[in-house]
Protein backbone atom coordinates (compact mmCIF):
# COMPACT_ATOMS: atom_id res chain seq x y z
CA MET A 1 124.44 82.76 109.72
CA THR A 2 123.15 82.77 106.11
CA LYS A 3 122.51 86.30 104.82
CA GLY A 4 118.98 87.20 103.79
CA PRO A 5 117.78 90.02 101.69
CA PRO A 6 119.70 93.24 102.31
CA VAL A 7 118.35 95.55 105.03
CA SER A 8 118.26 98.42 102.61
CA THR A 9 114.94 98.47 100.86
CA PRO A 10 113.75 100.98 98.24
CA SER A 11 113.66 104.29 99.94
CA PHE A 12 110.44 106.25 99.62
CA SER A 13 111.67 109.83 99.61
CA ARG A 14 109.75 113.11 99.62
CA ARG A 15 110.18 113.16 95.89
CA SER A 16 108.64 109.65 95.51
CA LEU A 17 105.69 110.77 97.62
CA LEU A 18 104.74 113.17 94.83
CA ARG A 19 104.47 110.38 92.32
CA SER A 20 101.12 108.93 91.66
CA ILE A 21 100.47 105.48 92.96
CA ALA A 22 101.31 102.73 90.42
CA ALA A 23 99.18 99.73 90.11
CA SER A 24 100.38 96.96 92.45
CA GLY A 25 100.86 93.36 91.75
CA ALA A 26 98.11 90.72 91.97
CA ALA A 27 97.27 89.31 95.28
CA VAL A 28 98.29 85.78 96.22
CA ALA A 29 95.67 83.08 96.14
CA ALA A 30 93.49 83.11 99.33
CA PRO A 31 90.55 81.10 100.56
CA SER A 32 87.54 81.68 98.43
CA VAL A 33 85.58 83.42 101.20
CA LEU A 34 88.39 85.96 101.58
CA ALA A 35 88.38 86.57 97.83
CA ALA A 36 84.67 87.08 97.85
CA CYS A 37 84.91 89.58 100.61
CA SER A 38 87.71 91.43 98.89
CA THR A 39 85.75 91.83 95.64
CA SER A 40 82.21 92.41 96.89
CA ALA A 41 82.82 95.80 98.60
CA LYS A 42 82.74 98.96 96.59
CA LYS A 43 86.13 100.67 96.52
CA HIS A 44 86.34 103.70 98.63
CA ASP A 45 88.99 106.33 99.26
CA VAL A 46 89.94 105.30 102.77
CA GLY A 47 93.22 107.22 102.91
CA ASN A 48 93.67 110.58 104.65
CA VAL A 49 95.86 112.30 102.08
CA GLY A 50 94.19 115.60 101.00
CA LYS A 51 91.33 115.25 103.57
CA LYS A 52 90.27 117.58 106.26
CA LEU A 53 90.71 115.39 109.35
CA VAL A 54 88.00 115.60 111.96
CA PRO A 55 89.40 116.45 115.39
CA TRP A 56 90.17 113.85 118.03
CA PRO A 57 87.67 113.52 120.84
CA THR A 58 88.25 115.86 123.79
CA TYR A 59 90.10 114.01 126.60
CA VAL A 60 88.28 114.36 129.99
CA PRO A 61 90.08 112.13 132.44
CA PHE A 62 88.15 110.40 135.24
CA PRO A 63 89.32 111.60 138.69
CA GLY A 64 89.54 108.12 140.11
CA PRO A 65 91.35 106.58 143.02
CA ALA A 66 95.14 107.43 143.32
CA PRO A 67 97.34 104.50 142.41
CA ASP A 68 99.88 102.99 144.74
CA LEU A 69 102.40 102.70 141.87
CA PRO A 70 102.23 105.54 139.43
CA GLY A 71 101.77 105.02 135.69
CA THR A 72 103.07 107.12 132.89
CA ALA A 73 101.40 109.26 130.21
CA ASP A 74 102.73 106.91 127.49
CA GLY A 75 101.08 103.80 128.80
CA ILE A 76 102.89 102.21 131.77
CA GLN A 77 100.07 101.08 133.90
CA PRO A 78 99.21 102.65 137.30
CA GLY A 79 99.33 99.91 139.89
CA TYR A 80 96.87 99.33 142.69
CA LEU A 81 97.87 97.08 145.67
CA THR A 82 94.44 97.29 147.26
CA TYR A 83 90.90 97.66 145.95
CA PRO A 84 89.12 101.03 146.32
CA LYS A 85 86.77 100.98 149.38
CA ASP A 86 84.35 103.64 148.04
CA LEU A 87 83.25 102.97 144.49
CA ALA A 88 81.85 105.82 142.35
CA THR A 89 78.85 105.62 140.06
CA ALA A 90 79.85 106.19 136.44
CA VAL A 91 76.47 105.72 134.78
CA HIS A 92 73.24 106.97 136.45
CA ASP A 93 70.68 105.77 133.92
CA LYS A 94 70.35 102.44 132.11
CA PRO A 95 71.56 102.89 128.48
CA GLY A 96 68.56 100.98 127.01
CA LYS A 97 64.90 100.15 127.46
CA GLY A 98 64.83 96.54 126.52
CA GLU A 99 66.17 96.67 122.96
CA THR A 100 68.01 93.75 121.36
CA ILE A 101 71.53 94.41 120.12
CA LYS A 102 73.39 91.77 118.09
CA VAL A 103 77.14 91.88 118.58
CA MET A 104 80.11 90.02 117.14
CA THR A 105 83.52 89.91 118.65
CA ILE A 106 86.66 87.77 119.01
CA THR A 107 87.21 85.36 121.89
CA TYR A 108 90.20 83.74 123.45
CA GLY A 109 88.16 81.66 125.90
CA THR A 110 85.71 78.82 125.73
CA PRO A 111 82.23 79.69 124.40
CA PRO A 112 79.89 81.17 127.07
CA LYS A 113 76.92 79.24 128.42
CA PRO A 114 73.62 80.38 126.87
CA ALA A 115 72.19 83.63 128.05
CA GLY A 116 69.43 81.97 130.02
CA GLN A 117 71.96 79.84 131.96
CA ASN A 118 74.60 82.43 132.40
CA LYS A 119 74.23 84.70 135.44
CA PHE A 120 77.09 87.05 134.30
CA TRP A 121 75.39 87.61 130.94
CA THR A 122 72.01 88.14 132.67
CA ALA A 123 73.50 90.73 135.02
CA ILE A 124 75.20 92.62 132.15
CA ASN A 125 71.96 92.73 130.19
CA GLU A 126 70.05 93.96 133.20
CA ALA A 127 72.55 96.66 133.90
CA LEU A 128 72.61 97.82 130.29
CA GLY A 129 68.86 97.60 129.90
CA VAL A 130 69.30 95.77 126.61
CA ASN A 131 69.51 92.16 125.39
CA LEU A 132 72.97 91.54 124.00
CA GLU A 133 72.96 88.67 121.55
CA PHE A 134 76.54 87.54 121.13
CA THR A 135 78.28 85.85 118.30
CA VAL A 136 81.79 85.05 119.55
CA VAL A 137 84.52 84.13 117.04
CA PRO A 138 87.49 82.03 118.26
CA ASP A 139 90.83 83.61 117.47
CA SER A 140 91.79 80.57 115.34
CA ASP A 141 88.65 81.00 113.17
CA TYR A 142 88.64 84.82 113.09
CA MET A 143 89.91 85.38 109.55
CA THR A 144 87.41 83.05 107.90
CA LYS A 145 84.32 83.78 109.96
CA MET A 146 84.83 87.59 109.85
CA ALA A 147 85.35 87.52 106.15
CA THR A 148 82.17 85.51 105.73
CA MET A 149 80.30 88.13 107.76
CA MET A 150 81.78 91.00 105.77
CA ALA A 151 80.81 89.37 102.48
CA GLY A 152 77.15 88.99 103.54
CA ASN A 153 74.26 91.29 103.98
CA ASP A 154 72.97 90.05 107.40
CA LEU A 155 75.23 92.17 109.63
CA PRO A 156 75.25 92.30 113.42
CA ASP A 157 74.49 95.74 115.00
CA VAL A 158 77.97 95.92 116.56
CA ILE A 159 81.25 94.43 115.19
CA ASN A 160 84.63 94.37 116.88
CA PHE A 161 87.81 94.27 114.74
CA GLY A 162 90.92 93.46 116.63
CA GLY A 163 93.48 90.95 117.85
CA GLY A 164 96.11 92.05 115.35
CA HIS A 165 94.43 90.35 112.44
CA THR A 166 94.49 91.86 108.91
CA LEU A 167 91.24 91.46 107.03
CA PRO A 168 90.77 92.08 103.31
CA ARG A 169 89.24 95.51 102.47
CA GLU A 170 88.48 96.15 106.17
CA ALA A 171 88.48 99.92 105.83
CA ASP A 172 86.36 99.68 102.60
CA PHE A 173 83.85 97.57 104.54
CA VAL A 174 83.70 100.05 107.38
CA VAL A 175 83.05 103.02 105.10
CA SER A 176 80.55 101.10 103.03
CA LYS A 177 78.56 99.32 105.72
CA CYS A 178 79.15 101.08 109.03
CA ALA A 179 77.96 104.26 110.71
CA ASP A 180 80.19 107.41 110.55
CA LEU A 181 80.56 108.23 114.25
CA SER A 182 82.41 111.56 113.71
CA ASP A 183 79.54 113.88 114.72
CA HIS A 184 78.94 111.85 117.91
CA LEU A 185 82.50 111.56 119.04
CA THR A 186 84.81 114.29 117.81
CA GLY A 187 85.79 117.35 119.94
CA ASP A 188 83.38 118.16 122.76
CA ALA A 189 80.66 115.92 121.35
CA ILE A 190 82.36 113.02 123.27
CA LYS A 191 81.32 114.59 126.51
CA ALA A 192 77.83 113.06 126.07
CA TYR A 193 79.67 109.78 126.77
CA PRO A 194 81.98 110.62 129.69
CA ASN A 195 83.57 107.18 129.96
CA LEU A 196 84.52 107.21 126.33
CA ALA A 197 85.88 110.73 126.88
CA ASN A 198 88.18 109.12 129.51
CA LEU A 199 90.05 107.21 126.83
CA PRO A 200 93.39 108.97 126.26
CA THR A 201 93.99 110.74 122.99
CA TYR A 202 96.77 108.32 121.95
CA VAL A 203 94.19 105.52 121.85
CA TRP A 204 92.05 107.37 119.23
CA GLN A 205 95.19 108.28 117.31
CA ASP A 206 96.31 104.68 117.15
CA MET A 207 92.94 103.70 115.91
CA GLY A 208 93.22 106.49 113.35
CA HIS A 209 91.01 108.17 110.80
CA ILE A 210 89.51 106.47 107.75
CA GLY A 211 89.05 108.98 104.93
CA GLY A 212 89.51 111.74 107.45
CA ARG A 213 86.58 110.58 109.62
CA LEU A 214 86.04 108.50 112.83
CA TRP A 215 84.23 105.24 112.32
CA GLY A 216 84.85 103.34 115.57
CA VAL A 217 85.36 103.33 119.32
CA PRO A 218 88.78 102.00 120.26
CA VAL A 219 89.54 99.28 122.84
CA GLN A 220 92.43 100.71 124.92
CA ARG A 221 95.69 98.91 125.73
CA SER A 222 98.66 99.97 127.81
CA ALA A 223 102.22 100.12 126.66
CA PRO A 224 103.55 96.47 126.96
CA GLY A 225 102.51 94.30 124.03
CA ASN A 226 103.06 90.63 123.31
CA CYS A 227 105.57 89.20 125.78
CA LEU A 228 106.88 85.77 126.84
CA TRP A 229 104.87 84.49 129.87
CA ILE A 230 106.93 82.00 131.77
CA ASN A 231 106.48 79.48 134.55
CA ASN A 232 109.10 81.13 136.72
CA ASP A 233 109.53 77.96 138.79
CA VAL A 234 110.43 75.92 135.70
CA PHE A 235 112.58 78.58 134.03
CA THR A 236 114.55 79.42 137.23
CA ALA A 237 115.25 75.68 137.83
CA ALA A 238 116.34 75.44 134.15
CA GLY A 239 118.92 78.19 134.70
CA MET A 240 117.30 81.44 133.59
CA LYS A 241 119.35 84.47 134.57
CA ASP A 242 119.37 88.20 134.25
CA GLY A 243 120.88 89.48 131.06
CA TRP A 244 120.41 86.18 129.25
CA THR A 245 121.38 85.68 125.62
CA SER A 246 119.78 83.86 122.83
CA ASP A 247 122.19 80.96 123.51
CA ASP A 248 121.19 81.01 127.12
CA PHE A 249 117.51 80.95 126.09
CA LEU A 250 117.96 77.86 124.05
CA GLU A 251 119.79 76.04 126.87
CA VAL A 252 117.06 77.04 129.40
CA ALA A 253 114.33 75.85 127.09
CA LYS A 254 116.23 72.57 126.59
CA ALA A 255 116.53 72.07 130.36
CA ALA A 256 112.79 72.69 130.79
CA THR A 257 111.89 70.11 128.12
CA HIS A 258 111.57 66.53 129.32
CA ASP A 259 108.97 63.76 130.03
CA LYS A 260 106.43 65.08 127.53
CA LYS A 261 106.79 68.63 128.93
CA TYR A 262 108.07 71.44 126.76
CA GLY A 263 109.95 74.59 127.47
CA LEU A 264 108.00 76.51 124.78
CA GLY A 265 104.36 76.56 124.08
CA SER A 266 102.69 78.01 121.04
CA SER A 267 99.64 77.81 118.70
CA ALA A 268 98.85 78.38 115.08
CA PRO A 269 97.90 82.09 115.61
CA LEU A 270 100.92 82.71 117.87
CA LEU A 271 103.26 81.27 115.14
CA PHE A 272 106.05 79.93 117.37
CA GLY A 273 106.20 83.25 119.27
CA GLU A 274 107.14 85.17 116.13
CA THR A 275 106.33 88.63 117.55
CA MET A 276 108.56 88.13 120.59
CA HIS A 277 111.44 86.47 118.80
CA SER A 278 111.63 88.84 115.80
CA MET A 279 111.83 91.93 118.02
CA ALA A 280 114.31 90.26 120.47
CA TRP A 281 116.55 89.86 117.34
CA GLY A 282 116.24 93.58 116.70
CA ALA A 283 113.57 93.68 113.92
CA PRO A 284 111.20 96.61 113.85
CA GLN A 285 107.54 96.04 114.90
CA GLU A 286 106.26 95.44 111.31
CA TRP A 287 107.49 98.79 110.03
CA LYS A 288 110.39 101.19 110.63
CA LEU A 289 110.22 104.95 109.82
CA ASP A 290 113.46 106.07 108.19
CA GLY A 291 113.55 109.81 107.26
CA GLY A 292 109.90 109.76 106.11
CA ALA A 293 110.20 106.41 104.37
CA PHE A 294 108.67 103.17 105.67
CA VAL A 295 110.79 100.03 105.68
CA SER A 296 109.18 96.63 106.27
CA ALA A 297 110.49 94.54 109.14
CA TYR A 298 110.01 91.52 106.87
CA THR A 299 112.82 92.72 104.57
CA THR A 300 115.47 92.96 107.27
CA ASP A 301 118.27 90.62 108.17
CA GLU A 302 117.11 90.76 111.80
CA TYR A 303 113.74 89.34 110.95
CA ARG A 304 115.20 86.49 108.83
CA ALA A 305 117.57 85.71 111.71
CA SER A 306 114.66 85.24 114.08
CA ILE A 307 113.03 82.71 111.69
CA GLU A 308 116.33 80.83 111.59
CA TYR A 309 116.39 80.88 115.42
CA MET A 310 112.81 79.67 115.82
CA SER A 311 113.68 76.84 113.48
CA LYS A 312 116.55 75.92 115.64
CA LEU A 313 114.28 75.88 118.72
CA ARG A 314 111.74 73.68 116.93
CA GLN A 315 114.46 71.29 115.62
CA ALA A 316 115.59 70.83 119.24
CA GLY A 317 112.12 69.61 120.09
CA LEU A 318 111.41 72.46 122.49
CA TYR A 319 107.86 73.37 121.38
CA ASN A 320 104.65 71.44 122.12
CA PRO A 321 103.88 69.00 119.26
CA ASN A 322 101.66 70.14 116.37
CA VAL A 323 101.94 73.80 117.01
CA LEU A 324 100.21 74.73 113.77
CA GLY A 325 97.27 72.51 114.72
CA THR A 326 96.89 74.00 118.21
CA SER A 327 94.53 76.67 119.13
CA THR A 328 95.50 79.54 121.44
CA VAL A 329 92.84 78.41 123.97
CA ASP A 330 94.48 74.93 124.03
CA CYS A 331 97.93 76.42 124.40
CA LYS A 332 96.72 78.44 127.44
CA THR A 333 95.51 75.22 128.94
CA PHE A 334 98.89 73.48 128.32
CA PHE A 335 100.58 76.49 130.03
CA TYR A 336 98.24 76.51 133.02
CA ASN A 337 98.54 72.75 133.64
CA GLY A 338 102.33 72.74 133.26
CA THR A 339 102.61 70.86 129.91
CA VAL A 340 104.50 73.85 128.52
CA GLY A 341 106.73 76.16 130.52
CA SER A 342 106.01 79.36 128.54
CA MET A 343 103.89 80.99 125.87
CA VAL A 344 103.68 84.38 124.10
CA ASP A 345 100.57 86.41 124.90
CA GLY A 346 99.53 89.98 125.34
CA PHE A 347 100.26 91.72 128.67
CA GLY A 348 96.53 91.88 129.38
CA ALA A 349 96.63 88.04 129.86
CA LEU A 350 98.05 88.68 133.39
CA SER A 351 94.68 89.36 134.99
CA THR A 352 93.06 86.21 133.69
CA SER A 353 96.10 83.90 133.97
CA VAL A 354 96.74 84.54 137.70
CA PRO A 355 93.34 83.09 138.93
CA SER A 356 93.45 80.32 136.29
CA ILE A 357 96.84 79.04 137.55
CA LYS A 358 95.63 78.98 141.17
CA ASP A 359 99.19 79.43 142.51
CA ALA A 360 100.42 76.27 140.88
CA PHE A 361 103.52 78.25 139.94
CA VAL A 362 104.89 81.81 139.89
CA LEU A 363 103.86 83.61 136.70
CA ASP A 364 106.25 86.20 135.26
CA ALA A 365 106.86 88.02 132.02
CA ALA A 366 110.43 87.52 130.72
CA VAL A 367 112.82 90.26 129.83
CA PRO A 368 113.86 89.79 126.13
CA TYR A 369 117.12 88.00 125.63
CA LYS A 370 120.14 89.50 123.85
CA PRO A 371 120.48 88.02 120.34
CA ALA A 372 123.62 86.50 118.88
CA ASN A 373 123.62 89.01 116.02
CA GLY A 374 124.53 91.84 118.44
CA ALA A 375 121.40 93.86 117.78
CA LYS A 376 119.65 95.75 120.54
CA PRO A 377 116.82 93.55 121.76
CA GLY A 378 113.33 95.02 121.55
CA MET A 379 109.87 94.25 122.62
CA GLN A 380 106.45 95.03 121.06
CA ARG A 381 104.95 98.31 122.27
CA ALA A 382 101.24 97.56 122.08
CA LYS A 383 98.94 99.51 119.79
CA GLY A 384 97.06 101.92 122.00
CA ALA A 385 93.95 100.57 120.34
CA TRP A 386 94.01 96.78 120.52
CA GLY A 387 90.96 96.92 118.27
CA TYR A 388 87.95 99.09 117.49
CA THR A 389 84.25 98.58 117.50
CA VAL A 390 82.03 99.71 114.66
CA LEU A 391 78.25 100.01 114.28
CA LYS A 392 76.12 98.89 111.36
CA LYS A 393 74.56 101.80 109.56
CA THR A 394 71.33 102.70 111.37
CA THR A 395 69.32 105.61 112.67
CA PRO A 396 70.88 108.39 114.83
CA ASP A 397 68.85 107.38 117.81
CA ARG A 398 70.07 103.75 117.65
CA VAL A 399 73.64 104.97 117.19
CA LYS A 400 73.27 106.93 120.42
CA LEU A 401 71.75 103.92 122.21
CA ILE A 402 74.77 101.66 121.25
CA LEU A 403 77.27 104.40 122.20
CA ARG A 404 75.59 104.56 125.63
CA VAL A 405 76.13 100.81 125.90
CA LEU A 406 79.79 101.14 124.94
CA ASP A 407 80.08 104.01 127.37
CA TYR A 408 78.86 101.79 130.19
CA LEU A 409 81.34 99.10 129.21
CA ALA A 410 84.17 101.77 129.34
CA SER A 411 83.30 102.68 132.99
CA PRO A 412 86.70 103.15 134.68
CA PHE A 413 88.38 101.38 137.62
CA GLY A 414 87.01 102.52 140.88
CA THR A 415 83.37 102.52 139.76
CA LYS A 416 80.49 100.13 140.48
CA GLU A 417 80.10 99.56 136.78
CA TYR A 418 83.70 98.48 136.33
CA GLU A 419 83.25 96.00 139.13
CA LEU A 420 80.30 94.36 137.36
CA ASN A 421 81.94 94.38 133.92
CA HIS A 422 85.15 92.84 135.23
CA PHE A 423 84.21 90.72 138.24
CA GLY A 424 80.49 90.05 137.96
CA VAL A 425 77.99 89.92 140.77
CA GLU A 426 79.09 89.90 144.41
CA GLY A 427 78.19 86.64 146.15
CA THR A 428 77.72 84.90 142.77
CA HIS A 429 80.91 85.54 140.77
CA PHE A 430 83.11 86.86 143.58
CA THR A 431 83.41 87.25 147.30
CA ARG A 432 85.47 89.81 149.18
CA ASP A 433 88.58 88.97 151.21
CA LYS A 434 89.40 90.80 154.51
CA ASP A 435 90.71 93.73 152.52
CA GLY A 436 87.64 94.10 150.30
CA SER A 437 89.29 92.59 147.19
CA PRO A 438 86.83 90.78 144.82
CA ILE A 439 88.05 87.17 144.72
CA PRO A 440 86.56 84.98 141.97
CA THR A 441 84.29 82.04 142.96
CA GLU A 442 84.32 78.78 141.09
CA LEU A 443 81.46 80.20 138.95
CA GLY A 444 83.34 83.41 138.41
CA LEU A 445 86.20 81.40 136.79
CA VAL A 446 83.78 80.22 134.04
CA GLU A 447 81.41 83.16 133.79
CA ASN A 448 83.43 86.28 133.23
CA PRO A 449 84.46 88.80 130.52
CA VAL A 450 86.77 86.25 128.87
CA GLN A 451 84.09 83.74 128.17
CA LEU A 452 81.52 86.54 127.48
CA PRO A 453 83.95 89.03 125.85
CA VAL A 454 82.20 92.27 126.66
CA LYS A 455 85.70 93.78 127.23
CA TYR A 456 86.46 93.37 123.49
CA LEU A 457 83.42 95.50 122.57
CA CYS A 458 84.71 98.38 124.77
CA ASP A 459 86.70 98.70 127.95
CA ALA A 460 88.09 101.05 130.50
CA PRO A 461 91.67 102.19 130.37
CA GLN A 462 93.67 99.33 131.80
CA VAL A 463 95.15 99.44 135.26
CA LEU A 464 97.49 96.99 137.02
CA TYR A 465 95.33 95.34 139.67
CA ILE A 466 94.90 91.71 140.59
CA PRO A 467 92.41 90.98 143.38
CA GLY A 468 94.12 89.98 146.59
CA ARG A 469 97.59 89.78 144.90
CA PRO A 470 99.58 92.86 145.63
CA ASP A 471 102.74 90.75 145.19
CA VAL A 472 101.79 90.14 141.60
CA VAL A 473 101.07 93.86 140.97
CA GLN A 474 104.38 94.88 142.42
CA ARG A 475 106.37 92.27 140.42
CA ASN A 476 104.73 93.17 137.17
CA HIS A 477 104.90 96.93 137.66
CA THR A 478 108.66 96.57 138.28
CA TRP A 479 108.90 94.49 135.10
CA GLN A 480 107.02 97.17 133.05
CA LEU A 481 109.43 99.87 134.16
CA LYS A 482 112.41 97.58 133.37
CA VAL A 483 111.28 96.81 129.78
CA ALA A 484 109.87 100.34 129.04
CA PRO A 485 113.12 101.49 127.35
CA MET A 486 112.98 98.33 125.11
CA LEU A 487 109.46 99.00 123.84
CA VAL A 488 109.35 99.59 120.03
CA PRO A 489 106.31 101.29 118.50
CA ASN A 490 104.86 100.63 115.04
CA PRO A 491 104.79 103.83 112.99
CA ARG A 492 101.91 102.72 110.86
CA PHE A 493 99.37 102.66 113.70
CA GLY A 494 96.46 104.94 112.83
CA LEU A 495 97.44 105.18 109.11
CA GLN A 496 95.53 104.01 106.09
CA SER A 497 96.75 102.21 102.92
CA ALA A 498 94.44 101.43 100.08
CA THR A 499 96.86 98.81 98.95
CA ALA A 500 97.06 97.16 102.36
CA SER A 501 93.24 97.20 102.48
CA ARG A 502 93.13 95.36 99.19
CA VAL A 503 96.02 92.96 99.35
CA GLY A 504 97.43 93.18 102.91
CA ALA A 505 95.61 90.11 104.15
CA ALA A 506 96.86 87.97 101.28
CA ILE A 507 100.39 89.21 101.79
CA ASP A 508 100.18 88.47 105.54
CA THR A 509 98.83 84.99 104.80
CA LEU A 510 101.84 84.34 102.49
CA ARG A 511 104.11 85.56 105.26
CA THR A 512 102.69 83.46 108.08
CA ASP A 513 102.38 80.37 105.83
CA THR A 514 105.98 80.58 104.91
CA ILE A 515 107.17 81.12 108.47
CA GLY A 516 105.07 78.19 109.66
CA SER A 517 106.45 75.92 106.94
CA ILE A 518 110.06 76.91 107.57
CA VAL A 519 109.92 76.55 111.34
CA ALA A 520 107.96 73.28 111.10
CA GLY A 521 110.73 71.96 108.80
CA ARG A 522 108.68 71.64 105.66
CA LYS A 523 110.63 74.29 103.77
CA PRO A 524 114.25 75.53 103.91
CA LEU A 525 115.21 78.95 105.17
CA SER A 526 115.86 80.06 101.68
CA ALA A 527 112.11 79.93 101.01
CA TRP A 528 111.88 83.16 103.11
CA ASP A 529 113.90 85.00 100.46
CA ASP A 530 111.50 84.03 97.80
CA THR A 531 108.56 85.02 99.93
CA VAL A 532 110.00 88.48 100.56
CA LYS A 533 110.29 88.98 96.87
CA LYS A 534 106.71 87.87 96.32
CA MET A 535 105.43 90.08 99.08
CA ARG A 536 107.18 93.07 97.60
CA ASP A 537 105.96 92.31 94.08
CA GLN A 538 102.38 91.83 95.35
CA GLY A 539 102.16 95.19 97.07
CA LEU A 540 104.46 95.45 100.12
CA ASP A 541 106.50 98.14 98.47
CA GLN A 542 103.36 100.01 97.44
CA ILE A 543 102.00 99.68 100.97
CA ALA A 544 105.16 101.41 102.19
CA GLU A 545 104.58 104.29 99.86
CA ASP A 546 100.90 104.53 100.91
CA TYR A 547 101.87 104.73 104.64
CA ALA A 548 104.55 107.29 103.90
CA LYS A 549 101.93 109.50 102.22
CA ASP A 550 99.37 109.06 104.94
CA TYR A 551 101.97 109.67 107.61
CA ALA A 552 102.93 112.97 105.91
CA ALA A 553 99.32 113.91 105.80
CA ASN A 554 98.80 113.18 109.49
CA HIS A 555 101.96 114.87 110.79
């Protein structure tokens, strides 16, 4: 294997933390709308160094139904084999009185039917006592459309940032244009919103402070992050086995590829499964903390080896054609209909994939393979906050109204409100089986919180429950426990970097464009070495120093 840049990157020691921040290199060229966004916002001190940090919200857990399969404090999901028979009431008064609230969030589904033709949307609005006007942004268009919104003056009332995307000057935008929620959420103030108080402390910590303050409400995620979802029928027939190696993985994918069906599915945002493969090859999840210094995953031999491996998979014809021209929604369709035998997605995709597949095959998450470089295989530990929701600057009373709406959407499992938020209206979007489980109707498969993504504005702590499918719950709880020792956290979660806010999006675009070009066969592997140098020159090393400082201030 050709050697890449050395693993040892400049070490940011305690002494270097005392140095003032030097000016970083110029950002790479980016689409004009991103450049407009990055220059229009006033520069703010978004870091936490030298700031008095407001306290985290007080954690007040909801005493809900006892799980059949216990979870863990660090994010392994509690499992429920049956649906609770007696549902609690989480919210006793409607949050609103007919107000209109404009919201903007990401979507991974097809656009929802208009509000007047959408019974799920109507029911949500009725329960909230408000008129939610949605702008949904497809994952593939997220960067451009969000940047356009941030550069303008006509902002929605509620904006969700999430999905792992890096937006230019995101933190600057939040401080400049959004409401400071600290006085409403920190300490015991959160108790005015009991369902938000039920969000574990690690979720707020992974969202983090900006300038020492709290500016958003996090969207919780459990421990497993992006994983390889497989058609178990196809992969078992192709020779998948416990303890497989990267060579075994290649051979299984080859055996699963024939007759215009492909072992591996991917899309432009999923980038050939980069998150799964890089960590299987032993690379850190974006950053590694080494004695107080931050080391970028992208500078490691392990990360370079994963790019080389993905190129090998692509050269063998194992991915669906035109990956970089495929949306994630289309890739999901390919997976569900059997065109591809696998795809990388977040663990939360389990609950929506099972009903979509309709038992056409057994769905499983794969255990990472052992790489040929001898490294210990890892897997992405999800950020406790998949994203966070901010509010446009407004009056205190309107802030409280919107927080009441988010509190309703965070109603926990075992409540009537959770049932509506996740399953819709009984008799319309679901019926109950003999055990009382809410089973989606045909309408429920097209009107739900994927198509109308209320769950990305705010959500309850995730549990492992699939209506009427205790077998799926048991299989996936067992898998979570098996991969738990392999989960690798990202030490920069919750931290701020002024450099990352300014040039991070451009650096990430350079990274993803280069990986896409190498794996697609348009550039040689050596192009990665040049890109690493450019990323470091354009601010990656400075970002490492910023994170090291902010980490020291937070710990």
